[in-house]
Protein backbone atom coordinates (compact mmCIF):
# COMPACT_ATOMS: atom_id res chain seq x y z
CA MET A 1 -26.86 17.91 -53.23
CA GLN A 2 -28.24 19.40 -49.84
CA ILE A 3 -30.40 22.46 -49.98
CA LEU A 4 -29.17 24.85 -46.90
CA SER A 5 -32.70 26.04 -45.88
CA GLY A 6 -32.35 28.74 -43.68
CA LYS A 7 -36.00 28.82 -42.86
CA GLU A 8 -35.45 26.04 -40.91
CA VAL A 9 -32.53 27.61 -39.02
CA ALA A 10 -34.03 30.26 -38.14
CA GLN A 11 -37.15 28.43 -36.99
CA ASN A 12 -34.96 26.06 -34.84
CA VAL A 13 -33.42 29.93 -33.36
CA TYR A 14 -36.85 31.49 -33.19
CA ASP A 15 -38.41 27.99 -30.77
CA THR A 16 -34.73 28.82 -28.78
CA LEU A 17 -35.44 32.71 -28.40
CA THR A 18 -39.19 31.99 -27.33
CA ASP A 19 -38.03 29.74 -24.21
CA GLU A 20 -35.59 32.01 -23.35
CA ALA A 21 -37.33 35.36 -23.42
CA LYS A 22 -40.27 33.44 -21.64
CA HIS A 23 -37.50 32.21 -18.64
CA PHE A 24 -36.32 36.03 -18.67
CA LEU A 25 -39.63 37.76 -18.10
CA GLU A 26 -40.41 35.30 -15.45
CA ASN A 27 -36.94 36.06 -13.70
CA TYR A 28 -36.65 39.37 -14.38
CA GLY A 29 -39.67 41.00 -14.80
CA TYR A 30 -39.60 42.56 -18.45
CA ALA A 31 -38.75 41.55 -21.66
CA PRO A 32 -35.99 41.67 -24.16
CA THR A 33 -36.60 45.27 -26.23
CA LEU A 34 -35.68 46.29 -28.99
CA ALA A 35 -35.89 50.07 -30.40
CA VAL A 36 -35.64 50.68 -34.17
CA VAL A 37 -35.35 54.48 -35.39
CA LEU A 38 -36.75 54.61 -39.37
CA VAL A 39 -36.00 57.69 -40.62
CA GLY A 40 -38.18 58.99 -43.81
CA GLU A 41 -40.37 57.28 -46.20
CA ASP A 42 -38.41 54.49 -47.79
CA PRO A 43 -40.57 51.60 -48.79
CA ALA A 44 -38.26 49.08 -48.39
CA SER A 45 -36.80 50.14 -45.02
CA GLN A 46 -40.56 50.36 -43.92
CA SER A 47 -40.99 46.59 -45.02
CA TYR A 48 -37.79 45.65 -42.97
CA VAL A 49 -38.81 47.08 -40.07
CA ALA A 50 -42.39 46.01 -39.91
CA GLY A 51 -41.02 42.68 -40.10
CA LYS A 52 -38.33 43.24 -36.92
CA LYS A 53 -41.28 43.94 -35.01
CA LYS A 54 -43.38 41.20 -35.92
CA ALA A 55 -40.63 39.13 -35.00
CA CYS A 56 -40.10 40.83 -31.62
CA LEU A 57 -43.98 40.69 -30.79
CA SER A 58 -43.94 36.89 -31.83
CA LEU A 59 -41.35 35.89 -29.51
CA GLY A 60 -42.48 37.83 -26.57
CA PHE A 61 -39.96 40.86 -26.94
CA GLY A 62 -40.63 44.69 -26.00
CA HIS A 63 -40.12 46.91 -29.38
CA LYS A 64 -40.48 50.36 -29.59
CA ASP A 65 -40.85 52.35 -32.56
CA TYR A 66 -39.46 55.44 -33.53
CA HIS A 67 -40.40 56.86 -37.12
CA LEU A 68 -38.77 60.27 -37.58
CA PRO A 69 -39.70 62.91 -41.04
CA SER A 70 -37.27 62.67 -43.91
CA ASP A 71 -36.16 66.01 -43.33
CA THR A 72 -34.93 65.02 -39.60
CA SER A 73 -31.43 66.70 -38.52
CA GLN A 74 -28.15 65.42 -37.80
CA GLN A 75 -28.74 66.69 -34.13
CA GLN A 76 -32.12 65.20 -33.76
CA LEU A 77 -31.37 61.96 -34.59
CA LEU A 78 -28.03 62.01 -32.59
CA ASP A 79 -30.20 63.23 -29.66
CA LEU A 80 -32.97 60.34 -29.94
CA ILE A 81 -30.12 57.82 -29.58
CA HIS A 82 -28.42 59.28 -26.98
CA GLN A 83 -31.78 59.35 -25.16
CA LEU A 84 -32.19 55.35 -25.84
CA ASN A 85 -28.59 54.86 -24.83
CA GLU A 86 -29.86 56.33 -21.48
CA ASP A 87 -33.01 54.60 -21.26
CA SER A 88 -32.63 51.23 -19.33
CA SER A 89 -35.87 49.48 -20.83
CA VAL A 90 -34.27 49.62 -24.20
CA HIS A 91 -31.52 47.14 -24.37
CA GLY A 92 -30.92 47.01 -28.53
CA ILE A 93 -30.95 49.70 -30.80
CA LEU A 94 -31.23 49.55 -34.51
CA VAL A 95 -30.95 52.84 -36.72
CA GLN A 96 -32.27 51.31 -40.20
CA MET A 97 -29.62 51.89 -43.11
CA PRO A 98 -29.91 53.71 -45.68
CA LEU A 99 -30.15 57.23 -43.94
CA PRO A 100 -32.08 60.23 -45.99
CA GLU A 101 -29.14 62.29 -47.72
CA GLY A 102 -27.65 64.64 -45.79
CA LEU A 103 -27.45 62.46 -42.84
CA ASN A 104 -24.29 60.77 -41.50
CA PRO A 105 -24.01 56.73 -41.32
CA GLU A 106 -20.73 56.90 -39.66
CA GLU A 107 -21.53 59.49 -37.20
CA VAL A 108 -24.78 57.80 -35.99
CA ILE A 109 -23.30 54.30 -35.69
CA ARG A 110 -20.66 55.84 -33.74
CA SER A 111 -23.18 57.24 -31.16
CA ILE A 112 -25.06 53.78 -30.57
CA ALA A 113 -23.90 52.79 -27.67
CA VAL A 114 -21.84 49.57 -27.91
CA GLU A 115 -23.51 47.63 -25.19
CA LYS A 116 -26.71 48.05 -27.45
CA ASP A 117 -25.04 48.03 -30.81
CA VAL A 118 -27.29 44.34 -31.75
CA ASP A 119 -25.89 45.35 -35.33
CA GLY A 120 -22.75 45.08 -34.62
CA PHE A 121 -21.55 47.79 -36.66
CA HIS A 122 -19.88 50.49 -34.12
CA PRO A 123 -16.49 50.48 -34.58
CA GLN A 124 -15.70 48.83 -31.17
CA SER A 125 -17.84 45.88 -32.09
CA VAL A 126 -16.07 45.01 -35.58
CA GLY A 127 -12.55 45.60 -33.84
CA ASN A 128 -13.89 43.08 -31.10
CA LEU A 129 -14.75 40.32 -33.52
CA LEU A 130 -11.42 40.97 -35.56
CA ILE A 131 -9.59 40.30 -32.56
CA GLY A 132 -11.89 37.32 -31.31
CA ASN A 133 -13.51 39.20 -28.38
CA PRO A 134 -17.05 39.07 -26.98
CA GLY A 135 -19.63 41.54 -28.80
CA PHE A 136 -22.24 41.68 -31.46
CA VAL A 137 -21.46 40.14 -34.68
CA SER A 138 -22.95 41.92 -37.54
CA CYS A 139 -26.47 39.65 -38.75
CA THR A 140 -25.54 38.43 -41.60
CA PRO A 141 -22.21 37.12 -41.39
CA LYS A 142 -23.63 35.56 -37.81
CA GLY A 143 -26.49 34.30 -40.02
CA VAL A 144 -24.29 32.32 -41.98
CA MET A 145 -22.06 30.88 -39.38
CA GLU A 146 -25.46 29.53 -38.21
CA ILE A 147 -26.50 28.01 -40.85
CA LEU A 148 -22.86 26.36 -41.17
CA ASP A 149 -23.03 25.18 -37.40
CA TYR A 150 -26.70 23.87 -38.18
CA TYR A 151 -25.71 21.47 -40.65
CA HIS A 152 -22.74 20.35 -39.58
CA ILE A 153 -20.49 21.78 -42.31
CA GLU A 154 -16.77 21.80 -41.27
CA THR A 155 -14.91 25.18 -42.02
CA ALA A 156 -11.63 24.00 -40.21
CA GLY A 157 -8.95 23.83 -42.96
CA LYS A 158 -11.02 24.54 -45.72
CA HIS A 159 -10.43 27.40 -47.93
CA ALA A 160 -13.36 29.58 -47.87
CA VAL A 161 -13.87 32.29 -50.63
CA ILE A 162 -15.75 35.58 -49.79
CA VAL A 163 -17.01 37.38 -53.31
CA GLY A 164 -17.44 41.18 -51.90
CA ARG A 165 -15.72 42.75 -49.02
CA SER A 166 -18.69 44.84 -47.84
CA ASN A 167 -18.06 46.19 -43.69
CA ILE A 168 -21.67 44.53 -43.46
CA VAL A 169 -21.13 40.98 -45.07
CA GLY A 170 -17.45 40.36 -46.35
CA LYS A 171 -15.07 41.97 -43.87
CA PRO A 172 -16.69 40.61 -41.29
CA MET A 173 -17.31 37.54 -42.34
CA ALA A 174 -13.87 36.78 -43.35
CA SER A 175 -13.17 37.91 -39.58
CA LEU A 176 -15.26 35.08 -38.55
CA LEU A 177 -14.29 32.36 -40.61
CA ILE A 178 -10.56 32.63 -39.62
CA GLN A 179 -11.20 32.94 -35.74
CA LYS A 180 -9.58 30.16 -34.08
CA GLY A 181 -11.48 27.11 -33.78
CA ARG A 182 -13.28 28.05 -37.22
CA ASP A 183 -10.36 27.39 -38.82
CA ALA A 184 -10.63 28.36 -42.61
CA THR A 185 -8.28 29.89 -44.95
CA VAL A 186 -10.04 32.80 -46.06
CA THR A 187 -9.61 34.57 -49.66
CA ILE A 188 -11.45 38.05 -50.40
CA CYS A 189 -12.14 38.69 -53.70
CA HIS A 190 -13.73 41.91 -55.24
CA SER A 191 -13.96 44.07 -57.95
CA ARG A 192 -10.43 44.39 -59.07
CA THR A 193 -9.70 40.87 -58.48
CA LYS A 194 -8.12 39.65 -61.21
CA ASP A 195 -9.38 36.32 -62.96
CA LEU A 196 -11.94 35.60 -60.65
CA PRO A 197 -13.28 32.57 -61.94
CA SER A 198 -9.70 30.97 -61.15
CA ILE A 199 -9.81 31.75 -57.26
CA THR A 200 -13.81 30.69 -56.94
CA SER A 201 -12.81 27.02 -58.41
CA GLN A 202 -10.57 26.73 -55.54
CA ALA A 203 -13.34 27.55 -52.86
CA ASP A 204 -14.14 24.46 -50.46
CA ILE A 205 -17.07 27.14 -49.08
CA LEU A 206 -17.47 29.96 -51.72
CA ILE A 207 -20.22 32.80 -50.14
CA ALA A 208 -21.04 34.90 -52.91
CA ALA A 209 -22.23 38.60 -51.44
CA MET A 210 -21.93 41.10 -53.99
CA GLY A 211 -25.32 41.90 -55.10
CA ARG A 212 -25.48 41.43 -58.53
CA PRO A 213 -28.12 38.56 -60.06
CA HIS A 214 -26.47 35.55 -61.12
CA PHE A 215 -22.99 36.23 -60.99
CA ILE A 216 -21.48 33.21 -59.91
CA THR A 217 -22.13 30.69 -62.88
CA SER A 218 -21.50 26.93 -63.12
CA ASP A 219 -17.93 27.17 -64.73
CA MET A 220 -17.37 29.66 -61.48
CA VAL A 221 -16.97 26.73 -59.00
CA LYS A 222 -15.52 23.60 -58.61
CA ASP A 223 -17.58 19.83 -57.99
CA GLY A 224 -18.26 19.32 -54.08
CA VAL A 225 -18.29 22.76 -53.21
CA VAL A 226 -20.05 24.50 -50.77
CA VAL A 227 -21.95 27.52 -51.85
CA ILE A 228 -23.99 30.44 -49.54
CA ASP A 229 -25.57 32.89 -51.37
CA VAL A 230 -26.42 36.07 -49.30
CA GLY A 231 -27.37 38.44 -52.45
CA ILE A 232 -31.22 39.02 -52.73
CA ASN A 233 -31.86 40.63 -55.94
CA ARG A 234 -35.08 41.97 -57.49
CA ILE A 235 -35.56 40.90 -61.87
CA GLU A 236 -38.30 41.75 -63.48
CA ASP A 237 -40.46 38.82 -64.32
CA ALA A 238 -43.98 39.38 -66.44
CA SER A 239 -44.89 36.09 -65.38
CA CYS A 240 -45.27 37.09 -61.30
CA LYS A 241 -48.02 38.80 -59.81
CA ARG A 242 -45.45 41.11 -58.63
CA GLY A 243 -44.06 41.65 -61.91
CA TYR A 244 -40.31 40.42 -60.60
CA ARG A 245 -38.81 37.86 -58.41
CA LEU A 246 -36.18 37.53 -56.05
CA VAL A 247 -32.68 35.79 -57.51
CA GLY A 248 -29.54 35.31 -55.52
CA ASP A 249 -25.72 36.20 -56.56
CA VAL A 250 -25.53 32.43 -58.07
CA ASP A 251 -27.23 30.96 -61.09
CA TYR A 252 -28.84 28.73 -58.97
CA GLU A 253 -29.92 26.30 -61.56
CA HIS A 254 -26.80 25.96 -63.25
CA VAL A 255 -24.75 26.07 -60.45
CA ALA A 256 -26.50 23.56 -58.08
CA PRO A 257 -25.60 20.22 -59.22
CA ARG A 258 -22.03 20.78 -58.66
CA CYS A 259 -22.73 21.92 -54.93
CA ASN A 260 -22.53 19.69 -52.39
CA ALA A 261 -24.76 22.16 -50.23
CA ILE A 262 -26.45 25.07 -51.32
CA THR A 263 -28.74 27.84 -49.93
CA PRO A 264 -31.48 29.17 -51.69
CA VAL A 265 -33.19 32.00 -52.56
CA PRO A 266 -35.52 33.09 -51.30
CA GLY A 267 -35.69 30.78 -48.14
CA GLY A 268 -32.11 31.08 -47.57
CA VAL A 269 -29.42 34.08 -45.54
CA GLY A 270 -32.08 36.60 -46.00
CA VAL A 271 -34.62 35.03 -43.38
CA MET A 272 -31.40 34.31 -41.23
CA THR A 273 -30.84 37.97 -40.51
CA ILE A 274 -33.78 39.22 -38.44
CA ALA A 275 -32.77 36.13 -36.56
CA MET A 276 -29.60 36.68 -35.51
CA LEU A 277 -31.18 40.45 -35.09
CA MET A 278 -33.01 38.70 -32.40
CA LYS A 279 -30.58 36.83 -30.71
CA ASN A 280 -28.50 39.44 -30.83
CA THR A 281 -31.02 41.42 -28.79
CA MET A 282 -31.56 38.64 -26.24
CA GLN A 283 -28.20 38.72 -25.83
CA ALA A 284 -27.55 42.60 -25.13
CA ALA A 285 -30.84 41.54 -22.42
CA LYS A 286 -28.49 39.00 -20.30
CA GLN A 287 -25.69 41.29 -20.46
CA PHE A 288 -28.27 43.94 -18.79
CA ALA A 289 -29.38 41.99 -16.82
CA SER A 290 -26.68 40.29 -15.17
CA LYS A 291 -24.42 43.77 -14.36
CA GLU A 292 -28.42 45.00 -12.67
CA VAL A 293 -28.19 41.86 -10.25
CA LYS A 294 -24.66 42.72 -9.48
């Protein structure tokens, strides 16, 4: 059984991006720059934003922070995004979700210029992915593909079963796997799927992304499966200093022995999300620079 270490894959991505950022700065005189907008005081969101800033600085990227109060109006937020759309020193824009109650996330996402949509959430980005056109891909599914590629896990002709149909993971994951060149046969399961174990047990590649701790058990998989656990769940654990520990959507202890390969939690898909955000930001900066040169 092979452990698919997201930490190892992410470090490989960061090593490449560090070199690319250095050369980019030498060639163009400015660094790839990400603007991150945080509205409100949500502790988890603050932690995520801090992680993104840390990644930018470690790679030699530029970073701009915009922390708005929780009573920010929809129009004030849209005005800031418009300002960032027009700012040539900003190549990628990320608005940290979830937004405080009263703000419309769909309108916010649509307002971000598609060429700066490094989260890959804009409807045009999603459409490009579905029909196989170049564009930004949502960071978590992109991170899963990076792991599969790094460990040379074949997808062509394989039955990939995705448990979860969110716009952030499940749907884009399916779109990536069915593209020509990936060539998987994809089944998406969800809360209304009947006799779920009969379907998950057919999977050559099982991707768990429903946000329910230890939901996938050993009787739901076949021997030799590749399991990608996207879930990150906190469960109370008095033996831990923090009072909780992180677990995935897969019952790792009992499922792992049946697997050919599996991602751990933590240290699996989760660390790939920021790495792919950085990769998308570099892509955005390169696209901007190529247009500027013309």
